[in-house]
């Protein structure tokens, strides 16, 4: 058995394990508000095919309603507890497209096909105003099947991260963002390498970088757009030498052996 990870850009990835396809934080647009997609084609129908979608938090670049509307009827949405109550558009989209919704809080889990999905804490203010972070927490997810895969969502480092996630084979870690400065509650390449050292997965895939960038800001700290993937490879080699990093291009996949 094996697990296959495909990175579509930003925080959007497919994790396929034991015949079940999970899609993370789908964002299938060329432009979102002031952001423009600078790398990779907008993902097509293959990206939208999934048994379930894992939504990490309510920010519109992670919970994007028009992208959810591209999902086939019957695709399950796994969302932070309280998200449907906080976001009427999510309720309307789910009902209109026939997308069943499962709400989870940290420590809660659900079965999707042959997989178990467990929600874990994310240190990130994932609110969608006017709703506060304590009402709808940001999450990461641990996917257990033939391998154990951790999708961190959007998070900063926090005490107890490794204990809460537990042993994992594969970690999808955010290593950047969509602007020239990262605010609180994010990982840059160095902090993501520290996280990799603490989590000690066998394999890591950097995500959440090098896809979207604000319009008109091409000349403002462009290395923050271009460099995070390669910098994470370099930092992980220093801080987490036992972790194999797979720096994927947009739309590229890697197949990893299951188990340790």
Protein backbone atom coordinates (compact mmCIF):
# COMPACT_ATOMS: atom_id res chain seq x y z
CA UNK A 1 0.00 0.00 0.00
CA UNK A 2 1.04 3.61 -0.51
CA UNK A 3 -0.21 7.16 -0.08
CA UNK A 4 -0.15 9.64 -2.97
CA UNK A 5 -0.01 13.39 -2.43
CA UNK A 6 -0.78 15.84 -5.23
CA UNK A 7 -0.23 19.55 -4.65
CA UNK A 8 -2.50 21.83 -6.66
CA UNK A 9 -1.16 25.08 -5.20
CA UNK A 10 -1.65 27.17 -2.06
CA UNK A 11 -3.17 24.88 0.64
CA UNK A 12 -4.97 22.69 -1.89
CA UNK A 13 -3.79 19.09 -2.08
CA UNK A 14 -5.18 15.63 -2.69
CA UNK A 15 -4.24 12.82 -0.33
CA UNK A 16 -5.15 9.40 -1.71
CA UNK A 17 -4.83 6.44 0.64
CA UNK A 18 -6.52 3.03 0.71
CA UNK A 19 -8.70 3.90 -2.28
CA UNK A 20 -10.07 7.07 -0.66
CA UNK A 21 -9.40 10.60 -1.95
CA UNK A 22 -9.32 13.57 0.41
CA UNK A 23 -9.00 17.14 -0.85
CA UNK A 24 -7.72 19.96 1.36
CA UNK A 25 -8.85 23.60 1.30
CA UNK A 26 -9.83 23.76 -2.40
CA UNK A 27 -9.14 27.05 -4.16
CA UNK A 28 -9.87 26.81 -7.87
CA UNK A 29 -9.72 30.39 -9.15
CA UNK A 30 -7.39 32.60 -11.14
CA UNK A 31 -8.13 35.61 -8.93
CA UNK A 32 -9.42 36.06 -5.37
CA UNK A 33 -10.04 39.67 -4.33
CA UNK A 34 -6.60 41.34 -4.50
CA UNK A 35 -4.75 38.07 -5.10
CA UNK A 36 -3.82 36.67 -8.50
CA UNK A 37 -2.61 33.16 -9.25
CA UNK A 38 0.98 33.52 -10.44
CA UNK A 39 1.98 29.86 -10.80
CA UNK A 40 0.23 26.78 -12.09
CA UNK A 41 -2.98 26.41 -14.04
CA UNK A 42 -6.28 26.62 -12.20
CA UNK A 43 -6.91 23.00 -11.13
CA UNK A 44 -9.35 21.08 -13.32
CA UNK A 45 -11.90 18.36 -12.79
CA UNK A 46 -9.35 15.82 -11.55
CA UNK A 47 -8.57 18.05 -8.58
CA UNK A 48 -12.24 18.45 -7.69
CA UNK A 49 -12.81 14.68 -7.56
CA UNK A 50 -12.79 13.60 -3.93
CA UNK A 51 -14.65 11.47 -1.42
CA UNK A 52 -14.36 14.24 1.18
CA UNK A 53 -12.96 17.74 1.53
CA UNK A 54 -11.09 18.89 4.64
CA UNK A 55 -11.55 22.59 5.45
CA UNK A 56 -9.02 23.94 7.92
CA UNK A 57 -10.58 27.34 8.72
CA UNK A 58 -12.92 30.04 7.50
CA UNK A 59 -10.56 32.38 5.63
CA UNK A 60 -11.78 32.75 2.07
CA UNK A 61 -8.55 31.39 0.57
CA UNK A 62 -9.18 28.15 2.50
CA UNK A 63 -12.97 27.98 2.59
CA UNK A 64 -13.86 29.27 -0.87
CA UNK A 65 -17.53 28.82 -1.66
CA UNK A 66 -17.35 28.97 -5.49
CA UNK A 67 -14.66 26.26 -5.40
CA UNK A 68 -16.84 24.08 -3.17
CA UNK A 69 -19.63 24.53 -5.72
CA UNK A 70 -17.47 22.63 -8.24
CA UNK A 71 -17.58 19.46 -6.15
CA UNK A 72 -19.73 16.54 -7.23
CA UNK A 73 -22.96 15.99 -5.25
CA UNK A 74 -22.35 13.62 -2.36
CA UNK A 75 -18.84 14.89 -1.64
CA UNK A 76 -18.58 15.24 2.13
CA UNK A 77 -17.33 18.46 3.70
CA UNK A 78 -15.40 18.13 6.96
CA UNK A 79 -15.33 21.56 8.59
CA UNK A 80 -14.49 23.19 11.94
CA UNK A 81 -17.29 22.89 14.43
CA UNK A 82 -19.56 25.92 14.19
CA UNK A 83 -18.65 26.78 10.58
CA UNK A 84 -22.14 26.26 9.09
CA UNK A 85 -23.73 28.39 11.79
CA UNK A 86 -21.17 31.14 11.30
CA UNK A 87 -21.26 31.19 7.52
CA UNK A 88 -24.72 31.09 5.90
CA UNK A 89 -23.14 30.82 2.45
CA UNK A 90 -21.60 27.50 3.47
CA UNK A 91 -25.01 26.17 4.44
CA UNK A 92 -26.52 27.34 1.15
CA UNK A 93 -23.70 25.92 -0.96
CA UNK A 94 -23.77 22.57 0.82
CA UNK A 95 -27.54 22.27 0.53
CA UNK A 96 -27.64 23.43 -3.08
CA UNK A 97 -24.91 21.04 -4.23
CA UNK A 98 -25.93 18.11 -2.06
CA UNK A 99 -22.72 18.16 -0.01
CA UNK A 100 -23.15 16.54 3.42
CA UNK A 101 -21.33 18.36 6.21
CA UNK A 102 -19.48 16.90 9.19
CA UNK A 103 -18.36 19.30 11.92
CA UNK A 104 -15.33 18.49 14.07
CA UNK A 105 -13.53 20.10 16.98
CA UNK A 106 -9.99 19.32 18.13
CA UNK A 107 -9.72 15.67 19.21
CA UNK A 108 -12.87 14.58 17.37
CA UNK A 109 -12.75 12.18 14.44
CA UNK A 110 -14.83 10.78 11.61
CA UNK A 111 -14.52 7.89 9.15
CA UNK A 112 -14.23 8.54 5.42
CA UNK A 113 -14.15 5.29 3.48
CA UNK A 114 -11.25 3.26 4.82
CA UNK A 115 -9.69 6.32 6.49
CA UNK A 116 -10.08 7.95 9.87
CA UNK A 117 -9.83 11.74 9.99
CA UNK A 118 -9.01 13.36 13.33
CA UNK A 119 -9.11 17.10 13.92
CA UNK A 120 -6.22 18.70 15.80
CA UNK A 121 -5.44 22.20 17.02
CA UNK A 122 -4.04 24.89 14.72
CA UNK A 123 -2.49 28.04 16.15
CA UNK A 124 -4.13 30.41 13.69
CA UNK A 125 -6.83 33.08 13.85
CA UNK A 126 -9.09 31.56 11.23
CA UNK A 127 -12.11 33.77 11.87
CA UNK A 128 -14.34 35.10 9.11
CA UNK A 129 -15.51 38.43 10.44
CA UNK A 130 -17.62 39.20 12.38
CA UNK A 131 -17.19 35.79 14.03
CA UNK A 132 -14.39 35.25 16.52
CA UNK A 133 -11.72 32.54 16.62
CA UNK A 134 -13.09 30.92 19.76
CA UNK A 135 -16.44 30.27 18.10
CA UNK A 136 -14.99 28.53 15.02
CA UNK A 137 -11.46 27.24 15.68
CA UNK A 138 -8.87 26.70 12.98
CA UNK A 139 -7.91 23.05 12.59
CA UNK A 140 -5.33 20.68 11.22
CA UNK A 141 -6.20 17.09 10.35
CA UNK A 142 -4.53 13.72 10.90
CA UNK A 143 -5.51 11.14 8.28
CA UNK A 144 -5.01 7.51 9.28
CA UNK A 145 -5.03 4.73 6.71
CA UNK A 146 -2.17 2.68 5.32
CA UNK A 147 -0.08 5.71 6.32
CA UNK A 148 -0.65 8.53 8.79
CA UNK A 149 -0.71 11.92 7.07
CA UNK A 150 -0.85 15.28 8.84
CA UNK A 151 -2.35 18.27 7.01
CA UNK A 152 -1.44 21.26 9.15
CA UNK A 153 -3.84 23.73 7.55
CA UNK A 154 -2.54 27.17 8.47
CA UNK A 155 -0.76 27.28 11.81
CA UNK A 156 2.08 28.65 13.83
CA UNK A 157 4.28 26.59 16.09
CA UNK A 158 2.70 25.79 19.43
CA UNK A 159 3.60 23.81 22.52
CA UNK A 160 2.26 20.28 22.33
CA UNK A 161 1.99 20.17 18.53
CA UNK A 162 3.92 16.91 18.25
CA UNK A 163 2.05 15.31 21.15
CA UNK A 164 -1.35 16.24 19.74
CA UNK A 165 -0.56 15.12 16.19
CA UNK A 166 1.21 11.95 17.32
CA UNK A 167 3.39 9.76 15.14
CA UNK A 168 2.94 10.53 11.46
CA UNK A 169 4.49 9.27 8.24
CA UNK A 170 3.78 12.29 6.04
CA UNK A 171 3.37 15.98 6.94
CA UNK A 172 1.91 18.66 4.65
CA UNK A 173 3.35 21.83 6.14
CA UNK A 174 2.67 25.47 5.21
CA UNK A 175 5.96 27.25 4.58
CA UNK A 176 4.86 30.71 3.43
CA UNK A 177 1.81 32.72 2.47
CA UNK A 178 0.33 35.05 -0.12
CA UNK A 179 1.93 38.33 0.87
CA UNK A 180 5.35 39.84 1.53
CA UNK A 181 4.91 39.59 5.30
CA UNK A 182 3.65 36.69 7.39
CA UNK A 183 1.52 37.59 10.37
CA UNK A 184 1.16 35.73 13.64
CA UNK A 185 -0.07 32.17 13.34
CA UNK A 186 1.89 31.13 10.27
CA UNK A 187 4.94 29.03 9.51
CA UNK A 188 7.75 30.32 7.35
CA UNK A 189 10.38 27.95 5.97
CA UNK A 190 12.47 27.99 9.15
CA UNK A 191 9.58 27.50 11.55
CA UNK A 192 8.19 24.76 9.31
CA UNK A 193 11.56 23.01 9.52
CA UNK A 194 11.38 23.27 13.31
CA UNK A 195 7.91 21.72 13.13
CA UNK A 196 9.28 18.93 10.94
CA UNK A 197 12.00 18.27 13.50
CA UNK A 198 9.44 18.04 16.30
CA UNK A 199 6.95 15.92 14.35
CA UNK A 200 9.64 13.67 12.82
CA UNK A 201 7.61 12.37 9.86
CA UNK A 202 9.35 10.20 7.31
CA UNK A 203 8.30 12.56 4.49
CA UNK A 204 7.24 16.21 4.29
CA UNK A 205 5.59 18.21 1.51
CA UNK A 206 5.74 22.03 1.66
CA UNK A 207 2.50 23.81 0.75
CA UNK A 208 0.90 27.27 1.08
CA UNK A 209 3.47 29.26 -0.90
CA UNK A 210 4.32 30.37 -4.41
CA UNK A 211 0.81 30.36 -5.86
CA UNK A 212 -1.04 33.63 -5.12
CA UNK A 213 0.42 37.10 -4.74
CA UNK A 214 -1.20 40.53 -4.33
CA UNK A 215 -1.79 42.45 -7.54
CA UNK A 216 0.66 45.31 -7.94
CA UNK A 217 3.16 43.96 -5.39
CA UNK A 218 5.47 42.04 -7.71
CA UNK A 219 8.51 44.02 -6.61
CA UNK A 220 7.82 43.90 -2.86
CA UNK A 221 9.96 41.18 -1.23
CA UNK A 222 9.50 38.81 -4.21
CA UNK A 223 11.74 36.21 -2.54
CA UNK A 224 8.88 35.63 -0.08
CA UNK A 225 6.88 34.33 -3.05
CA UNK A 226 9.59 32.39 -4.89
CA UNK A 227 11.90 31.06 -2.18
CA UNK A 228 9.95 29.30 0.63
CA UNK A 229 9.90 25.79 -0.93
CA UNK A 230 13.62 25.68 -1.60
CA UNK A 231 14.38 27.37 1.71
CA UNK A 232 12.33 24.74 3.54
CA UNK A 233 14.35 22.03 1.80
CA UNK A 234 17.55 23.72 3.01
CA UNK A 235 16.33 24.36 6.55
CA UNK A 236 14.90 20.86 6.95
CA UNK A 237 18.22 19.34 5.89
CA UNK A 238 19.84 21.22 8.78
CA UNK A 239 17.16 20.86 11.47
CA UNK A 240 15.36 17.63 10.49
CA UNK A 241 17.87 15.56 8.51
CA UNK A 242 15.84 12.38 8.97
CA UNK A 243 12.89 13.87 7.06
CA UNK A 244 12.74 13.52 3.27
CA UNK A 245 11.28 16.69 1.74
CA UNK A 246 9.37 16.50 -1.54
CA UNK A 247 9.20 19.94 -3.18
CA UNK A 248 6.39 19.50 -5.70
CA UNK A 249 5.48 21.62 -8.67
CA UNK A 250 1.90 22.72 -9.12
CA UNK A 251 -0.17 19.72 -10.17
CA UNK A 252 2.67 17.28 -9.41
CA UNK A 253 2.31 14.13 -7.30
CA UNK A 254 4.51 11.95 -5.15
CA UNK A 255 3.75 8.37 -4.18
CA UNK A 256 5.09 7.37 -0.78
CA UNK A 257 5.39 3.94 0.78
CA UNK A 258 2.88 3.34 3.55
CA UNK A 259 3.96 2.82 7.14
CA UNK A 260 7.37 3.23 8.70
